[in-house]
C-alpha atoms as a PDB file:
ATOM      1  CA  MET A   1      -0.053   0.232  -0.166  1.00  0.00           C
ATOM      2  CA  ILE A   2       1.151   3.537  -0.546  1.00  0.00           C
ATOM      3  CA  ASP A   3      -0.297   7.105   0.505  1.00  0.00           C
ATOM      4  CA  CYS A   4      -2.501   8.694  -2.219  1.00  0.00           C
ATOM      5  CA  GLU A   5      -3.143  12.455  -1.775  1.00  0.00           C
ATOM      6  CA  HIS A   6      -6.014  12.173  -4.255  1.00  0.00           C
ATOM      7  CA  TYR A   7      -7.922   9.794  -1.972  1.00  0.00           C
ATOM      8  CA  GLN A   8      -7.049  11.773   1.332  1.00  0.00           C
ATOM      9  CA  ASN A   9      -8.977  14.738  -0.228  1.00  0.00           C
ATOM     10  CA  TYR A  10     -11.846  12.564  -1.054  1.00  0.00           C
ATOM     11  CA  LYS A  11     -15.189  11.353   0.503  1.00  0.00           C
ATOM     12  CA  GLY A  12     -17.269   8.939  -1.430  1.00  0.00           C
ATOM     13  CA  PRO A  13     -20.608   7.556  -1.053  1.00  0.00           C
ATOM     14  CA  ASN A  14     -21.336   4.807   1.751  1.00  0.00           C
ATOM     15  CA  LEU A  15     -20.100   1.356   0.641  1.00  0.00           C
ATOM     16  CA  THR A  16     -23.022  -1.058   0.743  1.00  0.00           C
ATOM     17  CA  LEU A  17     -22.233  -4.427  -1.016  1.00  0.00           C
ATOM     18  CA  ALA A  18     -18.839  -6.208  -1.844  1.00  0.00           C
ATOM     19  CA  GLN A  19     -18.767  -9.602  -3.439  1.00  0.00           C
ATOM     20  CA  ILE A  20     -16.094 -11.935  -5.003  1.00  0.00           C
ATOM     21  CA  TRP A  21     -16.389 -15.244  -6.775  1.00  0.00           C
ATOM     22  CA  LYS A  22     -14.537 -17.787  -8.597  1.00  0.00           C
ATOM     23  CA  ASP A  23     -17.907 -19.599  -9.651  1.00  0.00           C
ATOM     24  CA  GLU A  24     -20.997 -17.347 -10.422  1.00  0.00           C
ATOM     25  CA  ASN A  25     -22.821 -19.896  -8.091  1.00  0.00           C
ATOM     26  CA  GLU A  26     -20.557 -19.119  -5.034  1.00  0.00           C
ATOM     27  CA  LYS A  27     -20.419 -15.443  -4.547  1.00  0.00           C
ATOM     28  CA  LEU A  28     -18.781 -14.454  -1.028  1.00  0.00           C
ATOM     29  CA  ASN A  29     -20.033 -11.430   0.629  1.00  0.00           C
ATOM     30  CA  ILE A  30     -17.021  -9.420   1.735  1.00  0.00           C
ATOM     31  CA  THR A  31     -18.585  -6.144   2.419  1.00  0.00           C
ATOM     32  CA  GLU A  32     -17.722  -5.500   6.098  1.00  0.00           C
ATOM     33  CA  TYR A  33     -13.929  -6.717   5.251  1.00  0.00           C
ATOM     34  CA  ILE A  34     -13.751  -4.234   2.294  1.00  0.00           C
ATOM     35  CA  LYS A  35     -15.192  -1.313   4.535  1.00  0.00           C
ATOM     36  CA  GLU A  36     -12.150  -1.675   6.887  1.00  0.00           C
ATOM     37  CA  PHE A  37     -10.072  -0.567   3.707  1.00  0.00           C
ATOM     38  CA  TYR A  38     -12.598   1.735   2.628  1.00  0.00           C
ATOM     39  CA  GLY A  39     -12.269   3.458   5.917  1.00  0.00           C
ATOM     40  CA  TYR A  40     -14.589   5.551   8.311  1.00  0.00           C
ATOM     41  CA  GLU A  41     -14.230   8.828   5.710  1.00  0.00           C
ATOM     42  CA  ASN A  42     -15.083   6.662   2.454  1.00  0.00           C
ATOM     43  CA  ASN A  43     -11.709   7.443   1.258  1.00  0.00           C
ATOM     44  CA  TRP A  44      -9.875   4.387   1.075  1.00  0.00           C
ATOM     45  CA  ASN A  45      -7.975   5.496   4.059  1.00  0.00           C
ATOM     46  CA  GLY A  46      -5.885   7.798   1.700  1.00  0.00           C
ATOM     47  CA  LYS A  47      -3.993   4.885   0.269  1.00  0.00           C
ATOM     48  CA  LEU A  48      -3.931   2.824  -2.528  1.00  0.00           C
ATOM     49  CA  TYR A  49      -3.698  -0.933  -1.859  1.00  0.00           C
ATOM     50  CA  THR A  50      -2.575  -3.828  -3.729  1.00  0.00           C
ATOM     51  CA  TYR A  51      -4.457  -6.552  -5.029  1.00  0.00           C
ATOM     52  CA  ASP A  52      -3.145  -8.882  -2.438  1.00  0.00           C
ATOM     53  CA  ASP A  53      -3.662  -6.395   0.366  1.00  0.00           C
ATOM     54  CA  ILE A  54      -7.402  -6.262  -0.838  1.00  0.00           C
ATOM     55  CA  PHE A  55      -7.916  -9.700  -2.024  1.00  0.00           C
ATOM     56  CA  PRO A  56      -5.219 -11.945  -0.107  1.00  0.00           C
ATOM     57  CA  GLY A  57      -4.537 -15.204  -1.530  1.00  0.00           C
ATOM     58  CA  ARG A  58      -7.077 -14.655  -4.694  1.00  0.00           C
ATOM     59  CA  ASP A  59      -5.907 -14.217  -8.282  1.00  0.00           C
ATOM     60  CA  HIS A  60      -7.058 -13.564 -11.994  1.00  0.00           C
ATOM     61  CA  LYS A  61      -9.389 -16.365 -11.618  1.00  0.00           C
ATOM     62  CA  TYR A  62     -11.668 -14.345  -9.333  1.00  0.00           C
ATOM     63  CA  LYS A  63     -14.051 -11.700 -10.215  1.00  0.00           C
ATOM     64  CA  PHE A  64     -15.287  -8.641  -7.917  1.00  0.00           C
ATOM     65  CA  TYR A  65     -18.347  -6.200  -7.681  1.00  0.00           C
ATOM     66  CA  ILE A  66     -18.437  -3.212  -5.449  1.00  0.00           C
ATOM     67  CA  GLU A  67     -21.453  -1.077  -4.815  1.00  0.00           C
ATOM     68  CA  PHE A  68     -22.247   2.145  -3.142  1.00  0.00           C
ATOM     69  CA  ILE A  69     -25.252   4.188  -2.365  1.00  0.00           C
ATOM     70  CA  ASP A  70     -24.979   7.943  -2.088  1.00  0.00           C
ATOM     71  CA  GLU A  71     -27.017  10.500  -0.015  1.00  0.00           C
ATOM     72  CA  THR A  72     -29.513  10.849  -2.644  1.00  0.00           C
ATOM     73  CA  GLY A  73     -30.018   7.106  -3.036  1.00  0.00           C
ATOM     74  CA  ARG A  74     -28.168   6.836  -6.459  1.00  0.00           C
ATOM     75  CA  LYS A  75     -26.128   3.493  -6.955  1.00  0.00           C
ATOM     76  CA  HIS A  76     -22.394   3.844  -7.876  1.00  0.00           C
ATOM     77  CA  TRP A  77     -20.639   0.404  -8.608  1.00  0.00           C
ATOM     78  CA  PHE A  78     -17.813  -1.078 -10.360  1.00  0.00           C
ATOM     79  CA  HIS A  79     -16.620  -4.582 -11.281  1.00  0.00           C
ATOM     80  CA  GLY A  80     -13.479  -6.214 -12.371  1.00  0.00           C
ATOM     81  CA  ILE A  81     -11.035  -9.474 -12.249  1.00  0.00           C
ATOM     82  CA  VAL A  82      -8.405  -9.287  -9.554  1.00  0.00           C
ATOM     83  CA  GLY A  83      -4.940  -8.476 -10.888  1.00  0.00           C
ATOM     84  CA  LEU A  84      -1.527  -9.498 -10.042  1.00  0.00           C
ATOM     85  CA  SER A  85      -0.773  -9.773  -6.220  1.00  0.00           C
ATOM     86  CA  ASP A  86       1.509  -6.609  -6.471  1.00  0.00           C
ATOM     87  CA  GLN A  87      -0.436  -4.558  -8.672  1.00  0.00           C
ATOM     88  CA  PHE A  88      -2.299  -1.411  -7.393  1.00  0.00           C
ATOM     89  CA  PHE A  89      -6.010  -2.115  -6.977  1.00  0.00           C
ATOM     90  CA  ASN A  90      -6.997   1.676  -8.100  1.00  0.00           C
ATOM     91  CA  PRO A  91     -10.798   1.833  -7.842  1.00  0.00           C
ATOM     92  CA  PRO A  92     -12.784   4.372  -9.508  1.00  0.00           C
ATOM     93  CA  LEU A  93     -14.078   7.357  -7.365  1.00  0.00           C
ATOM     94  CA  ALA A  94     -17.927   7.746  -7.457  1.00  0.00           C
ATOM     95  CA  THR A  95     -19.221  11.473  -7.713  1.00  0.00           C
ATOM     96  CA  PRO A  96     -17.831  12.837  -4.410  1.00  0.00           C
ATOM     97  CA  MET A  97     -20.219  13.533  -1.350  1.00  0.00           C
ATOM     98  CA  ASN A  98     -17.639  15.937  -0.087  1.00  0.00           C
ATOM     99  CA  GLN A  99     -14.492  17.441  -1.795  1.00  0.00           C
ATOM    100  CA  LYS A 100     -11.925  18.875   0.492  1.00  0.00           C
END
């Protein structure tokens, strides 16, 4: 992980769902786990994490889906495939609720 000034100045919508799966029939809900990284300020704790930080022990065979709901009820989401363990997981930022 590394500090990221862009994330430190960001406050996004509330994270409401995070899932990971290798097989479509076996989705694992990892919402509470991912919230630890997303942080109390909804800013990824001001850091960029590696895929191994976020999805330890998972590789390109795994897909993920992450969803957020903003204060107006609008849903923001993104999905992808787990990258290389030392590659940075750089999630897109939703429309900020509060930009410092």
